[in-house]
């Protein structure tokens, strides 16, 4: 099920689908305070919230008492162990190379190797329409 938050009320749609129970496991990948708090509104009591997106700027939870009352299982999507990171990268690249996942819709900006500094600057600034960027190295 795809829900476009620009056209639909995400919370109403999810509660309708789940008979007002909420989602068992929510993956927050938007990387901002709005999507983090939305994840809490969508997750059922004692459900799991995977915080995967990096949250620049303020990292506020609107109602920590609600999170506590709901007894959420919070899972951190950031790994520090290099073996875990490299294994995940290998799995991701294998899936990508076998066309099991399609990253093209996420790539909104492309930069040449000479433009790499602009690419990193845009990754920080996130100009309008920016989702993911690719540095293209041509031989």
N, C-alpha and C. Protein backbone atom coordinates (compact mmCIF):
# COMPACT_ATOMS: atom_id res chain seq x y z
N UNK A 1 0.86 -1.17 0.00
CA UNK A 1 0.00 0.00 0.00
C UNK A 1 0.90 1.22 0.00
N UNK A 2 0.65 2.13 -0.90
CA UNK A 2 1.38 3.38 -0.97
C UNK A 2 0.44 4.50 -0.56
N UNK A 3 0.90 5.32 0.37
CA UNK A 3 0.10 6.46 0.83
C UNK A 3 0.92 7.72 0.55
N UNK A 4 0.36 8.60 -0.24
CA UNK A 4 1.02 9.85 -0.55
C UNK A 4 0.55 10.89 0.46
N UNK A 5 1.43 11.34 1.36
CA UNK A 5 1.00 12.28 2.40
C UNK A 5 0.57 13.64 1.85
N UNK A 6 0.89 13.91 0.59
CA UNK A 6 0.44 15.16 -0.02
C UNK A 6 -1.03 15.09 -0.42
N UNK A 7 -1.54 13.86 -0.59
CA UNK A 7 -2.92 13.68 -1.06
C UNK A 7 -3.83 13.00 -0.06
N UNK A 8 -3.26 12.37 0.96
CA UNK A 8 -4.07 11.59 1.90
C UNK A 8 -3.64 11.86 3.33
N UNK A 9 -4.54 11.67 4.26
CA UNK A 9 -4.23 11.76 5.68
C UNK A 9 -3.65 10.41 6.09
N UNK A 10 -2.33 10.38 6.29
CA UNK A 10 -1.63 9.13 6.55
C UNK A 10 -2.17 8.42 7.79
N UNK A 11 -2.33 9.16 8.88
CA UNK A 11 -2.80 8.54 10.13
C UNK A 11 -4.19 7.93 9.95
N UNK A 12 -5.10 8.66 9.33
CA UNK A 12 -6.47 8.13 9.12
C UNK A 12 -6.43 6.87 8.27
N UNK A 13 -5.63 6.89 7.23
CA UNK A 13 -5.54 5.74 6.32
C UNK A 13 -4.98 4.52 7.05
N UNK A 14 -3.91 4.71 7.80
CA UNK A 14 -3.30 3.60 8.54
C UNK A 14 -4.26 3.05 9.58
N UNK A 15 -4.94 3.92 10.32
CA UNK A 15 -5.86 3.45 11.34
C UNK A 15 -7.04 2.72 10.71
N UNK A 16 -7.46 3.14 9.54
CA UNK A 16 -8.54 2.44 8.83
C UNK A 16 -8.08 1.04 8.42
N UNK A 17 -6.89 0.94 7.90
CA UNK A 17 -6.34 -0.35 7.44
C UNK A 17 -6.14 -1.31 8.60
N UNK A 18 -5.72 -0.78 9.76
CA UNK A 18 -5.37 -1.64 10.90
C UNK A 18 -6.48 -1.73 11.94
N UNK A 19 -7.70 -1.32 11.58
CA UNK A 19 -8.83 -1.31 12.52
C UNK A 19 -8.46 -0.57 13.81
N UNK A 20 -7.83 0.58 13.67
CA UNK A 20 -7.43 1.47 14.77
C UNK A 20 -6.40 0.88 15.72
N UNK A 21 -5.71 -0.17 15.32
CA UNK A 21 -4.67 -0.76 16.17
C UNK A 21 -3.31 -0.11 15.97
N UNK A 22 -3.01 0.33 14.76
CA UNK A 22 -1.69 0.88 14.45
C UNK A 22 -0.79 -0.20 13.87
N UNK A 23 0.38 0.23 13.50
CA UNK A 23 1.33 -0.63 12.81
C UNK A 23 2.20 -1.40 13.81
N UNK A 24 2.49 -2.65 13.49
CA UNK A 24 3.35 -3.46 14.36
C UNK A 24 4.78 -2.94 14.40
N UNK A 25 5.34 -2.62 13.23
CA UNK A 25 6.72 -2.14 13.14
C UNK A 25 6.77 -0.99 12.15
N UNK A 26 7.25 0.15 12.62
CA UNK A 26 7.35 1.35 11.80
C UNK A 26 8.82 1.66 11.56
N UNK A 27 9.16 1.91 10.30
CA UNK A 27 10.52 2.28 9.94
C UNK A 27 10.52 3.77 9.61
N UNK A 28 11.15 4.56 10.44
CA UNK A 28 11.24 5.99 10.21
C UNK A 28 12.50 6.24 9.40
N UNK A 29 12.33 6.64 8.14
CA UNK A 29 13.48 6.87 7.27
C UNK A 29 13.48 8.28 6.68
N UNK A 30 12.53 9.10 7.08
CA UNK A 30 12.43 10.45 6.53
C UNK A 30 13.53 11.37 7.02
N UNK A 31 14.05 11.09 8.19
CA UNK A 31 15.17 11.86 8.70
C UNK A 31 14.81 13.23 9.22
N UNK A 32 13.59 13.40 9.69
CA UNK A 32 13.27 14.70 10.29
C UNK A 32 12.28 14.51 11.44
N UNK A 33 12.13 15.55 12.21
CA UNK A 33 11.29 15.49 13.41
C UNK A 33 9.84 15.15 13.09
N UNK A 34 9.32 15.65 11.98
CA UNK A 34 7.92 15.41 11.60
C UNK A 34 7.68 13.92 11.38
N UNK A 35 8.57 13.26 10.63
CA UNK A 35 8.35 11.84 10.35
C UNK A 35 8.62 10.98 11.58
N UNK A 36 9.52 11.42 12.45
CA UNK A 36 9.76 10.69 13.69
C UNK A 36 8.52 10.69 14.57
N UNK A 37 7.90 11.85 14.71
CA UNK A 37 6.68 11.93 15.53
C UNK A 37 5.50 11.25 14.85
N UNK A 38 5.44 11.29 13.52
CA UNK A 38 4.39 10.57 12.81
C UNK A 38 4.52 9.06 13.04
N UNK A 39 5.75 8.57 13.05
CA UNK A 39 5.96 7.13 13.29
C UNK A 39 5.33 6.73 14.63
N UNK A 40 5.48 7.57 15.64
CA UNK A 40 4.89 7.26 16.95
C UNK A 40 3.36 7.25 16.89
N UNK A 41 2.78 8.14 16.10
CA UNK A 41 1.32 8.19 15.96
C UNK A 41 0.77 6.97 15.23
N UNK A 42 1.59 6.35 14.39
CA UNK A 42 1.13 5.24 13.56
C UNK A 42 1.39 3.87 14.18
N UNK A 43 2.27 3.81 15.17
CA UNK A 43 2.70 2.53 15.74
C UNK A 43 1.76 2.10 16.87
N UNK A 44 1.44 0.81 16.88
CA UNK A 44 0.54 0.28 17.91
C UNK A 44 1.24 0.22 19.27
N UNK A 45 0.45 0.07 20.32
CA UNK A 45 1.01 -0.10 21.65
C UNK A 45 1.94 -1.32 21.65
N UNK A 46 3.10 -1.17 22.25
CA UNK A 46 4.14 -2.19 22.32
C UNK A 46 4.70 -2.57 20.94
N UNK A 47 4.48 -1.68 19.96
CA UNK A 47 5.05 -1.91 18.63
C UNK A 47 6.50 -1.47 18.59
N UNK A 48 7.12 -1.69 17.45
CA UNK A 48 8.52 -1.36 17.25
C UNK A 48 8.66 -0.14 16.35
N UNK A 49 9.55 0.77 16.74
CA UNK A 49 9.89 1.91 15.89
C UNK A 49 11.38 1.83 15.58
N UNK A 50 11.68 1.62 14.32
CA UNK A 50 13.06 1.61 13.84
C UNK A 50 13.41 3.02 13.41
N UNK A 51 14.36 3.64 14.10
CA UNK A 51 14.79 4.99 13.74
C UNK A 51 16.01 4.85 12.85
N UNK A 52 15.77 4.99 11.56
CA UNK A 52 16.82 4.78 10.57
C UNK A 52 17.34 6.08 10.00
N UNK A 53 16.47 7.06 9.81
CA UNK A 53 16.88 8.32 9.20
C UNK A 53 17.74 9.13 10.14
N UNK A 54 18.71 9.87 9.58
CA UNK A 54 19.51 10.78 10.38
C UNK A 54 18.69 12.04 10.61
N UNK A 55 18.68 12.53 11.81
CA UNK A 55 17.83 13.67 12.16
C UNK A 55 18.69 14.90 12.43
N UNK A 56 18.96 15.69 11.37
CA UNK A 56 19.73 16.92 11.58
C UNK A 56 18.90 17.95 12.33
N UNK A 57 19.56 18.91 12.89
CA UNK A 57 18.84 19.95 13.62
C UNK A 57 18.31 19.42 14.93
N UNK A 58 17.16 19.96 15.36
CA UNK A 58 16.60 19.53 16.64
C UNK A 58 16.16 18.07 16.55
N UNK A 59 16.30 17.38 17.64
CA UNK A 59 15.93 15.97 17.70
C UNK A 59 14.89 15.81 18.82
N UNK A 60 13.80 16.51 18.66
CA UNK A 60 12.78 16.52 19.70
C UNK A 60 11.72 15.46 19.45
N UNK A 61 11.33 14.81 20.52
CA UNK A 61 10.16 13.94 20.52
C UNK A 61 9.06 14.77 21.15
N UNK A 62 7.96 14.97 20.41
CA UNK A 62 6.91 15.86 20.89
C UNK A 62 6.34 15.46 22.24
N UNK A 63 6.17 14.17 22.46
CA UNK A 63 5.51 13.73 23.69
C UNK A 63 6.18 12.45 24.18
N UNK A 64 7.29 12.59 24.88
CA UNK A 64 8.02 11.43 25.38
C UNK A 64 7.16 10.61 26.33
N UNK A 65 6.26 11.26 27.06
CA UNK A 65 5.35 10.53 27.95
C UNK A 65 4.47 9.56 27.17
N UNK A 66 4.02 9.99 25.97
CA UNK A 66 3.23 9.12 25.10
C UNK A 66 4.06 7.92 24.66
N UNK A 67 5.30 8.17 24.25
CA UNK A 67 6.19 7.07 23.83
C UNK A 67 6.35 6.07 24.98
N UNK A 68 6.52 6.57 26.18
CA UNK A 68 6.67 5.71 27.34
C UNK A 68 5.38 4.93 27.61
N UNK A 69 4.24 5.62 27.59
CA UNK A 69 2.95 4.97 27.82
C UNK A 69 2.69 3.87 26.80
N UNK A 70 3.06 4.12 25.53
CA UNK A 70 2.84 3.15 24.46
C UNK A 70 3.81 1.97 24.52
N UNK A 71 4.82 2.07 25.37
CA UNK A 71 5.80 0.98 25.57
C UNK A 71 6.44 0.55 24.25
N UNK A 72 6.81 1.56 23.43
CA UNK A 72 7.44 1.25 22.15
C UNK A 72 8.79 0.57 22.36
N UNK A 73 9.11 -0.31 21.45
CA UNK A 73 10.44 -0.90 21.38
C UNK A 73 11.20 -0.07 20.35
N UNK A 74 12.14 0.74 20.79
CA UNK A 74 12.88 1.64 19.91
C UNK A 74 14.14 0.92 19.42
N UNK A 75 14.30 0.88 18.12
CA UNK A 75 15.44 0.20 17.52
C UNK A 75 16.27 1.22 16.77
N UNK A 76 17.54 1.27 17.09
CA UNK A 76 18.46 2.21 16.47
C UNK A 76 18.98 1.63 15.16
N UNK A 77 18.79 2.35 14.07
CA UNK A 77 19.24 1.89 12.76
C UNK A 77 20.66 2.31 12.42
N UNK A 78 21.36 2.92 13.36
CA UNK A 78 22.73 3.35 13.11
C UNK A 78 23.70 2.36 13.74
N UNK A 79 24.59 1.85 12.92
CA UNK A 79 25.55 0.87 13.40
C UNK A 79 26.93 1.48 13.46
N UNK A 80 27.73 1.09 14.42
CA UNK A 80 29.10 1.56 14.53
C UNK A 80 30.10 0.44 14.21
N UNK A 81 29.64 -0.79 14.28
CA UNK A 81 30.53 -1.92 14.01
C UNK A 81 30.80 -2.01 12.51
N UNK A 82 32.06 -1.91 12.10
CA UNK A 82 32.41 -1.87 10.68
C UNK A 82 32.00 -3.16 9.96
N UNK A 83 32.07 -4.31 10.61
CA UNK A 83 31.66 -5.56 9.96
C UNK A 83 30.17 -5.55 9.64
N UNK A 84 29.36 -5.02 10.55
CA UNK A 84 27.92 -4.91 10.31
C UNK A 84 27.65 -3.97 9.14
N UNK A 85 28.34 -2.84 9.11
CA UNK A 85 28.17 -1.85 8.04
C UNK A 85 28.56 -2.46 6.70
N UNK A 86 29.72 -3.10 6.64
CA UNK A 86 30.19 -3.68 5.37
C UNK A 86 29.30 -4.83 4.91
N UNK A 87 28.81 -5.63 5.84
CA UNK A 87 27.91 -6.72 5.47
C UNK A 87 26.61 -6.17 4.89
N UNK A 88 26.06 -5.15 5.51
CA UNK A 88 24.85 -4.52 4.99
C UNK A 88 25.09 -3.91 3.61
N UNK A 89 26.25 -3.32 3.42
CA UNK A 89 26.60 -2.75 2.12
C UNK A 89 26.70 -3.84 1.07
N UNK A 90 27.33 -4.96 1.41
CA UNK A 90 27.43 -6.08 0.45
C UNK A 90 26.05 -6.61 0.07
N UNK A 91 25.19 -6.78 1.06
CA UNK A 91 23.84 -7.27 0.79
C UNK A 91 23.10 -6.28 -0.10
N UNK A 92 23.19 -4.99 0.23
CA UNK A 92 22.52 -3.97 -0.57
C UNK A 92 23.02 -3.94 -2.00
N UNK A 93 24.33 -4.02 -2.19
CA UNK A 93 24.90 -4.01 -3.55
C UNK A 93 24.49 -5.26 -4.33
N UNK A 94 24.44 -6.39 -3.65
CA UNK A 94 23.99 -7.63 -4.31
C UNK A 94 22.54 -7.51 -4.78
N UNK A 95 21.69 -6.99 -3.91
CA UNK A 95 20.28 -6.78 -4.29
C UNK A 95 20.16 -5.78 -5.44
N UNK A 96 20.95 -4.73 -5.39
CA UNK A 96 20.93 -3.73 -6.45
C UNK A 96 21.40 -4.33 -7.77
N UNK A 97 22.49 -5.07 -7.73
CA UNK A 97 23.04 -5.68 -8.95
C UNK A 97 22.13 -6.75 -9.54
N UNK A 98 21.30 -7.37 -8.71
CA UNK A 98 20.34 -8.38 -9.20
C UNK A 98 19.00 -7.76 -9.55
N UNK A 99 18.95 -6.42 -9.56
CA UNK A 99 17.72 -5.68 -9.86
C UNK A 99 16.56 -6.03 -8.92
N UNK A 100 16.90 -6.35 -7.69
CA UNK A 100 15.86 -6.64 -6.69
C UNK A 100 15.36 -5.35 -6.03
N UNK A 101 16.18 -4.31 -6.08
CA UNK A 101 15.75 -3.01 -5.58
C UNK A 101 16.07 -1.97 -6.66
N UNK A 102 15.27 -0.93 -6.71
CA UNK A 102 15.43 0.12 -7.71
C UNK A 102 15.68 1.44 -7.00
N UNK A 103 16.89 1.93 -7.08
CA UNK A 103 17.25 3.18 -6.43
C UNK A 103 16.98 4.40 -7.30
N UNK A 104 16.74 4.19 -8.58
CA UNK A 104 16.61 5.32 -9.51
C UNK A 104 15.59 6.36 -9.08
N UNK A 105 14.41 5.98 -8.56
CA UNK A 105 13.45 7.02 -8.16
C UNK A 105 13.95 7.91 -7.02
N UNK A 106 14.93 7.44 -6.25
CA UNK A 106 15.45 8.23 -5.13
C UNK A 106 16.55 9.19 -5.55
N UNK A 107 17.18 8.93 -6.69
CA UNK A 107 18.31 9.76 -7.13
C UNK A 107 17.77 10.99 -7.85
N UNK A 108 17.90 12.11 -7.18
CA UNK A 108 17.37 13.36 -7.73
C UNK A 108 18.48 14.28 -8.25
N UNK A 109 19.71 14.02 -7.85
CA UNK A 109 20.82 14.89 -8.25
C UNK A 109 22.03 14.02 -8.63
N UNK A 110 22.74 14.47 -9.67
CA UNK A 110 23.94 13.78 -10.14
C UNK A 110 25.08 14.79 -10.23
N UNK A 111 26.27 14.35 -9.85
CA UNK A 111 27.45 15.21 -9.88
C UNK A 111 28.61 14.45 -10.49
N UNK A 112 29.44 15.16 -11.22
CA UNK A 112 30.68 14.57 -11.72
C UNK A 112 31.68 14.55 -10.57
N UNK A 113 32.77 13.83 -10.76
CA UNK A 113 33.81 13.78 -9.72
C UNK A 113 34.33 15.20 -9.44
N UNK A 114 34.42 16.01 -10.47
CA UNK A 114 34.89 17.39 -10.29
C UNK A 114 33.91 18.22 -9.46
N UNK A 115 32.66 17.82 -9.44
CA UNK A 115 31.62 18.56 -8.70
C UNK A 115 31.33 17.95 -7.32
N UNK A 116 32.20 17.07 -6.86
CA UNK A 116 31.94 16.32 -5.63
C UNK A 116 31.68 17.24 -4.43
N UNK A 117 32.41 18.34 -4.33
CA UNK A 117 32.20 19.26 -3.20
C UNK A 117 30.80 19.88 -3.24
N UNK A 118 30.31 20.20 -4.44
CA UNK A 118 28.94 20.71 -4.57
C UNK A 118 27.93 19.64 -4.16
N UNK A 119 28.22 18.40 -4.52
CA UNK A 119 27.34 17.29 -4.14
C UNK A 119 27.23 17.13 -2.64
N UNK A 120 28.38 17.19 -1.96
CA UNK A 120 28.36 17.08 -0.50
C UNK A 120 27.66 18.28 0.13
N UNK A 121 27.89 19.47 -0.43
CA UNK A 121 27.23 20.67 0.10
C UNK A 121 25.71 20.55 -0.04
N UNK A 122 25.24 20.06 -1.20
CA UNK A 122 23.80 19.89 -1.39
C UNK A 122 23.24 18.80 -0.48
N UNK A 123 24.02 17.76 -0.21
CA UNK A 123 23.56 16.71 0.71
C UNK A 123 23.33 17.27 2.11
N UNK A 124 24.09 18.27 2.46
CA UNK A 124 23.91 18.92 3.77
C UNK A 124 22.76 19.92 3.72
N UNK A 125 22.70 20.74 2.68
CA UNK A 125 21.68 21.80 2.57
C UNK A 125 20.31 21.27 2.20
N UNK A 126 20.27 20.16 1.47
CA UNK A 126 19.01 19.57 1.00
C UNK A 126 18.15 20.60 0.25
N UNK A 127 18.60 21.05 -0.93
CA UNK A 127 17.78 21.99 -1.70
C UNK A 127 16.44 21.36 -2.10
N UNK A 128 15.49 22.18 -2.52
CA UNK A 128 14.18 21.69 -2.93
C UNK A 128 14.30 20.51 -3.89
N UNK A 129 13.56 19.45 -3.61
CA UNK A 129 13.54 18.29 -4.49
C UNK A 129 14.67 17.31 -4.25
N UNK A 130 15.60 17.61 -3.36
CA UNK A 130 16.75 16.74 -3.11
C UNK A 130 16.34 15.53 -2.28
N UNK A 131 16.64 14.34 -2.78
CA UNK A 131 16.45 13.12 -2.00
C UNK A 131 17.81 12.45 -1.81
N UNK A 132 18.37 11.96 -2.90
CA UNK A 132 19.69 11.32 -2.87
C UNK A 132 20.49 11.80 -4.08
N UNK A 133 21.80 11.80 -3.92
CA UNK A 133 22.69 12.21 -5.01
C UNK A 133 23.67 11.10 -5.34
N UNK A 134 24.18 11.15 -6.55
CA UNK A 134 25.17 10.20 -7.02
C UNK A 134 26.36 10.96 -7.58
N UNK A 135 27.54 10.51 -7.23
CA UNK A 135 28.76 11.02 -7.85
C UNK A 135 29.11 10.07 -8.97
N UNK A 136 29.12 10.56 -10.20
CA UNK A 136 29.40 9.72 -11.35
C UNK A 136 30.87 9.84 -11.74
N UNK A 137 31.54 8.71 -11.79
CA UNK A 137 32.93 8.69 -12.17
C UNK A 137 33.02 8.07 -13.55
N UNK A 138 33.36 8.89 -14.53
CA UNK A 138 33.46 8.42 -15.91
C UNK A 138 34.92 8.15 -16.26
N UNK A 139 35.14 7.06 -16.97
CA UNK A 139 36.52 6.72 -17.40
C UNK A 139 36.90 7.49 -18.64
